[in-house]
Structures are given as structure tokens and as C-alpha cells.
Amino acid sequence: MKITNKFGLPQPFVDFIKNDKYSKGSADISVTSLIDSPRVSLMRQKHSDDIEIDAVDQIWSLFGTSVHAILERSEDTVYSETEARLYANVNGWNLSGAIDRQEINKEDGSVNLIDYKVTSVWSVIFGKIEWERQLNCYAYLCEQNYHEVFTPFSKEKKQVNKLNICAILRDWNRREVGQKDNYPKTPVVMVDIPLWSREQRKKYVEERISLHQDAQINYDLYNKLPLCSDEERWKKDDKWAVRKKAQKRALRVLDTKLEAIDYVEWHKKTNTAYMPKYTGGYEIDFRQGEYNRCKGNYCSVADFCQQYNKGEENGKEEN
């Protein structure tokens, strides 16, 4: 990976990014890769020497790493553990995940898993399915491992009873508190994450492992890459825009074509003082939802991706 500094950040920022020590340990795949697109994972391997990232695009990752480094200083006790990397063998692959904090219930030995995130206010307000998937994978890993808190002479498997995101909000503004619905009252928020059943966690992990294994086999044998789904590309919803002929600006942008047709019919009949009847004709334009991950500089392999650059259709593998 090549680190650039096109905007002239101070050298210590660049050095910190260059010396990132993240590692998935002795594992075939990490939880963060497991829940992500197999295509992206394979392309990162394929283009590892060609990927170019500018230091300015890693600033918030730097903040996240710094926050983790500070919070990791919290002392472990018999009832808590910080930054533990856990492993489990799933369908022949070694899966790993680093859990920021495990807090153990003194009464029954069950575990509350906490993951720290430096994120935006809107991530807390609207939620992120990635958080739910990640923490439930951590719960799966945790319950494959053992602790000796209450049984020092006989290990017992852990049992997870709660999942939390500890969100540190980089864009929190005190003046917005009470002015907007669901706006967080403090810049640090504990977010409850739904805990799936053991069967759901096991099924999800095994299905994702199989998906990545199949992708790896097809790539190794046939040099084929699977395509990213719309969800993996963060696709926005398609829209239909109604406009007057010979005008570029839309009168209205709607969710379905039927709504657009109905709007045109209503508009044709309109003849009021504030909206005179128009007889020049209308057109309906289909506006395909943008792929925010690909276009928004959120994917490190977008520059090398035929699906993005050549518009390959979903459902067909790329050679």
C-alpha cells in the first residue's frame, strides 16, 4: 500500500498512518473482513502493492486508533478484559476478532461485550447494520472460548448476555441537544445492539465463511472475482424525476414510476393562481441510485474495480 500526502499534513500524521500495526493475528479471516464483501477482500490481496491512500483520508481512523490506545490502558480485573483477540475454527478456517472490552457479570459469569467506535451522530441516530453483525460475530467467538472467573479449576465456556457500542461522537454539538429528535445528550453514548440467538449467530458465521471460501476457490482456480451486492456498495434508492420538457430542473423526485405518472396527471390538471396550467408536456427520467461506497472514496480498491469502472452487472462474475 502506498501512503500519499497530497494535502501536506504534518509528517507525524503520515508516520502514524504508515506504521499502523493492525493485524488479524494467525487467522485466515477477521470478523471485519467476514462481514464485508468477498470481492473487496480478494481485491485488496490482489492489489496490495498498488493501492494508494492519502493521509488525509485516514484522519478519522487515526482518531479511532488513538481512542482505542487510551481506553486500552484500563486495567484488566477478574471481572473485565480489554483488547482480547479470540479465535475459532469454522469450516476449516481460523476466524479471529479483537474484542475491545469484556465485562463479566459477578452473579452469573455472563459477559457484556463492548466495542468502541469514533463515529458520527447520525450513525447513532439511524443505526448501522454492520455494528449488529460485527458484535454478534464477536459474541459467537466469545462463546467458543472459556474463562475461569467462577471455576478456577474447571474451565467453562463463556455466555454472552449483552452487546454495546460505546460511540464517541466526533461531530456532536451541544446546541443541537433538544432541537432534533433523538439527538444524543452527550458526546459519548452507549448503544444497545440486538443480541441474536446462538443458532442465528452460528448460521450467519458459517454462511459468511462459506461465501468467502467459495470466492477464494474461484479466484485461485479460475481467477474469477464475485461481484459486490447493492448493499455492499451502499446503493441509494432509485428515483423517478418529473420535469417539464426542455427544462433540466425536476419539478418533483419520487420513489416509484407509478408515483411519477400520477404526479404528471395531477400536474396536467392543475390551473391555479400559484401554479398555472402547463401545456408544453412533461418527461419522466429514471435516476439510478448512486453507489456511495464506490464513488465516495470509501473503497480502497475502487480504482481497480471493473464492476465500478465498467458498470458490470450484478450476478455475473468478473474474469
Protein backbone atom coordinates (compact mmCIF):
# COMPACT_ATOMS: atom_id res chain seq x y z
CA MET A 1 0.00 0.00 0.00
CA LYS A 2 1.20 3.47 -0.91
CA ILE A 3 0.56 6.33 1.52
CA THR A 4 0.49 9.78 -0.09
CA ASN A 5 0.31 13.22 1.48
CA LYS A 6 -1.23 15.40 -1.23
CA PHE A 7 -2.57 17.97 1.23
CA GLY A 8 0.68 18.45 3.15
CA LEU A 9 -0.32 17.12 6.58
CA PRO A 10 2.38 17.35 9.26
CA GLN A 11 4.78 14.41 8.98
CA PRO A 12 3.85 12.84 12.36
CA PHE A 13 0.34 12.21 10.99
CA VAL A 14 1.77 10.47 7.94
CA ASP A 15 4.21 8.43 10.01
CA PHE A 16 1.43 7.27 12.33
CA ILE A 17 -0.63 6.05 9.37
CA LYS A 18 2.37 4.34 7.76
CA ASN A 19 3.16 2.50 10.99
CA ASP A 20 -0.33 1.12 11.56
CA LYS A 21 0.17 -2.14 13.49
CA TYR A 22 -3.23 -3.73 12.81
CA SER A 23 -3.08 -7.48 12.34
CA LYS A 24 -5.71 -10.20 12.17
CA GLY A 25 -3.28 -12.48 14.00
CA SER A 26 -2.75 -16.09 12.95
CA ALA A 27 -6.12 -16.29 11.22
CA ASP A 28 -7.49 -16.93 7.75
CA ILE A 29 -10.03 -14.12 8.12
CA SER A 30 -11.03 -11.46 10.64
CA VAL A 31 -14.56 -10.55 11.69
CA THR A 32 -14.33 -7.18 9.91
CA SER A 33 -13.46 -8.94 6.64
CA LEU A 34 -16.03 -11.68 7.26
CA ILE A 35 -18.95 -9.24 7.31
CA ASP A 36 -17.60 -7.32 4.31
CA SER A 37 -17.66 -8.07 0.58
CA PRO A 38 -15.59 -11.11 -0.53
CA ARG A 39 -14.76 -9.18 -3.70
CA VAL A 40 -13.24 -6.30 -1.76
CA SER A 41 -11.24 -8.69 0.42
CA LEU A 42 -9.80 -10.52 -2.59
CA MET A 43 -9.05 -7.32 -4.48
CA ARG A 44 -7.17 -5.93 -1.50
CA GLN A 45 -4.95 -9.00 -1.65
CA LYS A 46 -4.56 -8.77 -5.42
CA HIS A 47 -3.69 -5.05 -5.45
CA SER A 48 -1.98 -4.74 -2.08
CA ASP A 49 1.11 -3.12 -3.64
CA ASP A 50 -0.88 -0.79 -5.89
CA ILE A 51 -3.49 0.63 -3.52
CA GLU A 52 -2.92 4.33 -2.91
CA ILE A 53 -4.37 6.06 0.14
CA ASP A 54 -3.87 9.68 1.06
CA ALA A 55 -3.09 10.53 4.66
CA VAL A 56 -5.98 12.99 4.86
CA ASP A 57 -8.47 10.16 4.23
CA GLN A 58 -7.17 8.29 7.29
CA ILE A 59 -7.54 11.07 9.85
CA TRP A 60 -10.66 9.65 11.49
CA SER A 61 -9.11 6.19 11.53
CA LEU A 62 -6.15 7.79 13.32
CA PHE A 63 -8.54 9.27 15.89
CA GLY A 64 -10.15 5.87 16.36
CA THR A 65 -6.80 4.19 16.87
CA SER A 66 -5.80 6.87 19.37
CA VAL A 67 -9.01 6.47 21.36
CA HIS A 68 -8.54 2.70 21.46
CA ALA A 69 -4.95 3.13 22.65
CA ILE A 70 -6.11 5.35 25.53
CA LEU A 71 -9.03 3.17 26.58
CA GLU A 72 -6.89 0.03 26.43
CA ARG A 73 -4.98 1.39 29.41
CA SER A 74 -7.92 0.46 31.63
CA GLU A 75 -6.61 -2.26 33.93
CA ASP A 76 -7.93 -5.79 33.49
CA THR A 77 -9.55 -7.37 36.53
CA VAL A 78 -11.02 -10.74 37.26
CA TYR A 79 -14.31 -9.26 36.02
CA SER A 80 -13.10 -7.45 32.90
CA GLU A 81 -10.74 -7.90 29.97
CA THR A 82 -9.57 -5.32 27.44
CA GLU A 83 -8.48 -5.80 23.81
CA ALA A 84 -8.52 -9.60 23.72
CA ARG A 85 -8.14 -11.33 20.35
CA LEU A 86 -10.20 -14.51 20.20
CA TYR A 87 -10.17 -17.33 17.67
CA ALA A 88 -12.46 -20.09 16.45
CA ASN A 89 -12.17 -22.73 13.76
CA VAL A 90 -15.12 -22.56 11.37
CA ASN A 91 -15.37 -24.96 8.42
CA GLY A 92 -11.59 -25.34 8.36
CA TRP A 93 -10.82 -21.60 8.52
CA ASN A 94 -9.46 -19.82 11.54
CA LEU A 95 -11.66 -16.80 12.36
CA SER A 96 -10.37 -14.05 14.64
CA GLY A 97 -11.71 -10.91 16.24
CA ALA A 98 -10.31 -8.35 18.68
CA ILE A 99 -12.91 -7.51 21.32
CA ASP A 100 -12.37 -4.09 22.85
CA ARG A 101 -13.81 -4.89 26.25
CA GLN A 102 -15.47 -7.81 28.02
CA GLU A 103 -17.27 -7.11 31.28
CA ILE A 104 -18.27 -10.14 33.32
CA ASN A 105 -21.39 -10.26 35.49
CA LYS A 106 -20.37 -11.08 39.07
CA GLU A 107 -23.56 -13.02 39.72
CA ASP A 108 -23.75 -15.48 36.85
CA GLY A 109 -20.48 -15.08 34.90
CA SER A 110 -22.22 -13.90 31.72
CA VAL A 111 -20.38 -11.42 29.51
CA ASN A 112 -21.20 -7.96 28.17
CA LEU A 113 -19.22 -7.16 25.01
CA ILE A 114 -18.33 -3.52 24.29
CA ASP A 115 -16.83 -2.15 21.10
CA TYR A 116 -15.51 1.42 20.87
CA LYS A 117 -16.36 3.50 17.79
CA VAL A 118 -15.30 7.03 16.87
CA THR A 119 -18.24 7.88 14.65
CA SER A 120 -20.84 10.47 13.65
CA VAL A 121 -24.00 11.49 15.45
CA TRP A 122 -26.07 10.19 12.54
CA SER A 123 -24.66 6.69 12.88
CA VAL A 124 -26.16 6.59 16.37
CA ILE A 125 -29.47 8.17 15.35
CA PHE A 126 -30.07 5.92 12.33
CA GLY A 127 -28.09 2.85 13.40
CA LYS A 128 -25.73 0.66 11.39
CA ILE A 129 -26.42 -2.95 10.50
CA GLU A 130 -22.63 -3.50 10.32
CA TRP A 131 -22.41 -2.92 14.08
CA GLU A 132 -25.06 -5.56 14.72
CA ARG A 133 -23.30 -8.11 12.53
CA GLN A 134 -19.85 -7.39 13.92
CA LEU A 135 -20.82 -7.65 17.58
CA ASN A 136 -22.86 -10.81 17.06
CA CYS A 137 -19.81 -12.37 15.38
CA TYR A 138 -17.81 -11.33 18.44
CA ALA A 139 -20.45 -12.97 20.62
CA TYR A 140 -20.01 -16.16 18.59
CA LEU A 141 -16.24 -16.03 19.07
CA CYS A 142 -16.57 -15.27 22.75
CA GLU A 143 -18.80 -18.28 23.37
CA GLN A 144 -16.30 -20.56 21.63
CA ASN A 145 -13.76 -19.62 24.31
CA TYR A 146 -13.51 -20.22 28.04
CA HIS A 147 -12.98 -18.36 31.29
CA GLU A 148 -12.19 -19.33 34.88
CA VAL A 149 -13.80 -16.48 36.82
CA PHE A 150 -16.02 -18.67 38.96
CA THR A 151 -14.48 -22.07 38.33
CA PRO A 152 -10.68 -21.71 38.72
CA PHE A 153 -10.17 -25.46 38.47
CA SER A 154 -12.52 -26.23 35.57
CA LYS A 155 -12.92 -24.01 32.55
CA GLU A 156 -16.41 -23.18 31.31
CA LYS A 157 -17.48 -21.65 28.04
CA LYS A 158 -18.50 -18.02 28.18
CA GLN A 159 -22.10 -16.94 27.76
CA VAL A 160 -22.81 -13.52 26.26
CA ASN A 161 -25.84 -11.64 27.57
CA LYS A 162 -25.39 -8.10 26.22
CA LEU A 163 -23.82 -6.18 23.33
CA ASN A 164 -22.92 -2.48 23.32
CA ILE A 165 -21.28 0.06 21.07
CA CYS A 166 -19.53 2.79 23.02
CA ALA A 167 -19.86 5.60 20.46
CA ILE A 168 -17.54 8.62 20.69
CA LEU A 169 -19.23 11.26 18.54
CA ARG A 170 -16.74 13.37 16.60
CA ASP A 171 -19.38 15.84 15.31
CA TRP A 172 -21.51 16.21 18.46
CA ASN A 173 -22.81 19.74 19.06
CA ARG A 174 -24.28 20.76 22.43
CA ARG A 175 -26.57 23.32 20.75
CA GLU A 176 -28.38 20.55 18.87
CA VAL A 177 -29.43 18.75 22.07
CA GLY A 178 -33.20 19.00 22.38
CA GLN A 179 -33.52 20.67 18.98
CA LYS A 180 -33.52 17.48 16.91
CA ASP A 181 -35.31 14.21 17.54
CA ASN A 182 -33.16 11.51 19.14
CA TYR A 183 -30.10 13.77 19.21
CA PRO A 184 -27.60 12.34 21.76
CA LYS A 185 -27.37 14.28 25.02
CA THR A 186 -23.64 13.63 25.45
CA PRO A 187 -20.68 13.11 23.08
CA VAL A 188 -20.20 9.57 24.42
CA VAL A 189 -23.17 7.20 24.07
CA MET A 190 -23.70 3.54 24.95
CA VAL A 191 -25.76 1.99 22.16
CA ASP A 192 -27.59 -1.28 22.81
CA ILE A 193 -27.08 -3.79 19.99
CA PRO A 194 -29.59 -6.64 19.43
CA LEU A 195 -28.20 -9.99 20.52
CA TRP A 196 -29.10 -12.78 18.11
CA SER A 197 -29.82 -16.30 19.27
CA ARG A 198 -26.93 -18.78 19.29
CA GLU A 199 -28.45 -20.53 16.30
CA GLN A 200 -28.64 -17.26 14.34
CA ARG A 201 -25.05 -16.36 15.16
CA LYS A 202 -23.76 -19.79 14.21
CA LYS A 203 -25.73 -19.80 10.96
CA TYR A 204 -24.54 -16.32 9.98
CA VAL A 205 -20.87 -17.02 10.70
CA GLU A 206 -20.88 -20.34 8.86
CA GLU A 207 -22.67 -18.88 5.83
CA ARG A 208 -20.23 -15.96 5.61
CA ILE A 209 -17.23 -18.28 5.93
CA SER A 210 -18.59 -20.45 3.11
CA LEU A 211 -19.19 -17.38 0.96
CA HIS A 212 -15.60 -16.19 1.38
CA GLN A 213 -14.22 -19.71 0.89
CA ASP A 214 -16.12 -20.15 -2.38
CA ALA A 215 -14.89 -16.76 -3.57
CA GLN A 216 -11.30 -17.69 -2.70
CA ILE A 217 -11.55 -21.02 -4.54
CA ASN A 218 -12.98 -19.40 -7.68
CA TYR A 219 -10.27 -16.78 -7.60
CA ASP A 220 -7.44 -19.30 -7.04
CA LEU A 221 -8.64 -21.76 -9.70
CA TYR A 222 -10.25 -19.56 -12.34
CA ASN A 223 -9.08 -16.02 -11.49
CA LYS A 224 -12.72 -15.01 -11.09
CA LEU A 225 -13.97 -12.40 -8.66
CA PRO A 226 -17.56 -12.30 -7.33
CA LEU A 227 -19.44 -9.04 -7.67
CA CYS A 228 -20.43 -6.81 -4.78
CA SER A 229 -24.12 -6.62 -3.94
CA ASP A 230 -26.04 -3.34 -3.92
CA GLU A 231 -25.95 -3.44 -0.12
CA GLU A 232 -22.17 -3.91 -0.09
CA ARG A 233 -21.85 -0.93 -2.44
CA TRP A 234 -24.13 1.23 -0.24
CA LYS A 235 -26.51 1.85 -3.11
CA LYS A 236 -29.05 4.64 -2.68
CA ASP A 237 -32.63 4.04 -3.78
CA ASP A 238 -33.56 4.56 -7.42
CA LYS A 239 -35.74 7.60 -8.12
CA TRP A 240 -38.01 8.98 -10.88
CA ALA A 241 -37.83 12.70 -11.66
CA VAL A 242 -40.68 14.64 -13.27
CA ARG A 243 -39.72 17.72 -15.26
CA LYS A 244 -41.15 20.00 -17.89
CA LYS A 245 -39.86 19.33 -21.40
CA ALA A 246 -36.80 21.38 -22.34
CA GLN A 247 -36.09 22.06 -18.67
CA LYS A 248 -33.40 20.31 -16.66
CA ARG A 249 -34.67 21.05 -13.17
CA ALA A 250 -37.09 18.48 -11.75
CA LEU A 251 -40.50 19.54 -10.52
CA ARG A 252 -40.56 16.55 -8.18
CA VAL A 253 -38.43 13.49 -7.46
CA LEU A 254 -40.41 10.39 -6.46
CA ASP A 255 -39.73 6.87 -5.26
CA THR A 256 -41.63 4.93 -7.95
CA LYS A 257 -42.56 5.34 -11.60
CA LEU A 258 -46.24 4.99 -10.74
CA GLU A 259 -45.98 7.94 -8.33
CA ALA A 260 -44.27 9.95 -11.06
CA ILE A 261 -47.04 9.15 -13.58
CA ASP A 262 -49.72 10.09 -11.06
CA TYR A 263 -47.92 13.34 -10.33
CA VAL A 264 -47.79 14.22 -14.04
CA GLU A 265 -51.53 13.55 -14.40
CA TRP A 266 -52.27 15.72 -11.38
CA HIS A 267 -49.98 18.46 -12.69
CA LYS A 268 -51.69 18.49 -16.09
CA LYS A 269 -54.98 19.27 -14.43
CA THR A 270 -53.60 21.98 -12.19
CA ASN A 271 -54.69 25.50 -13.04
CA THR A 272 -54.43 27.77 -10.03
CA ALA A 273 -53.15 31.25 -9.35
CA TYR A 274 -49.91 29.94 -7.86
CA MET A 275 -49.34 27.14 -10.36
CA PRO A 276 -50.65 27.96 -13.86
CA LYS A 277 -51.59 25.07 -16.11
CA TYR A 278 -48.69 23.98 -18.33
CA THR A 279 -49.28 22.57 -21.83
CA GLY A 280 -45.73 22.04 -23.03
CA GLY A 281 -45.52 18.42 -21.97
CA TYR A 282 -43.70 16.51 -19.24
CA GLU A 283 -40.97 13.93 -19.12
CA ILE A 284 -40.11 11.31 -16.52
CA ASP A 285 -36.45 10.50 -16.03
CA PHE A 286 -35.19 7.40 -14.25
CA ARG A 287 -32.37 8.23 -11.84
CA GLN A 288 -30.40 5.23 -10.74
CA GLY A 289 -29.31 5.37 -7.13
CA GLU A 290 -25.61 6.10 -6.71
CA TYR A 291 -23.18 3.60 -5.24
CA ASN A 292 -21.94 5.68 -2.33
CA ARG A 293 -19.16 3.35 -1.25
CA CYS A 294 -17.61 3.22 -4.71
CA LYS A 295 -17.98 6.91 -5.52
CA GLY A 296 -17.36 8.32 -2.06
CA ASN A 297 -13.75 7.23 -1.62
CA TYR A 298 -14.78 4.60 0.95
CA CYS A 299 -13.39 1.65 -1.01
CA SER A 300 -9.62 1.37 -1.35
CA VAL A 301 -9.85 -0.81 -4.49
CA ALA A 302 -12.41 1.24 -6.45
CA ASP A 303 -9.74 2.42 -8.90
CA PHE A 304 -9.06 -1.19 -9.94
CA CYS A 305 -12.65 -2.43 -9.93
CA GLN A 306 -14.30 -3.31 -13.26
CA GLN A 307 -17.70 -3.57 -11.59
CA TYR A 308 -17.45 0.10 -10.66
CA ASN A 309 -15.46 1.50 -13.59
CA LYS A 310 -17.07 -0.56 -16.37
CA GLY A 311 -20.53 -0.99 -14.89
CA GLU A 312 -20.51 -4.79 -14.74
CA GLU A 313 -23.99 -6.05 -13.83
CA ASN A 314 -24.61 -7.80 -10.56
CA GLY A 315 -24.98 -11.55 -10.81
CA LYS A 316 -22.07 -12.13 -13.20
CA GLU A 317 -18.55 -12.87 -12.06
CA GLU A 318 -15.67 -10.87 -13.40
CA ASN A 319 -12.77 -12.65 -15.07
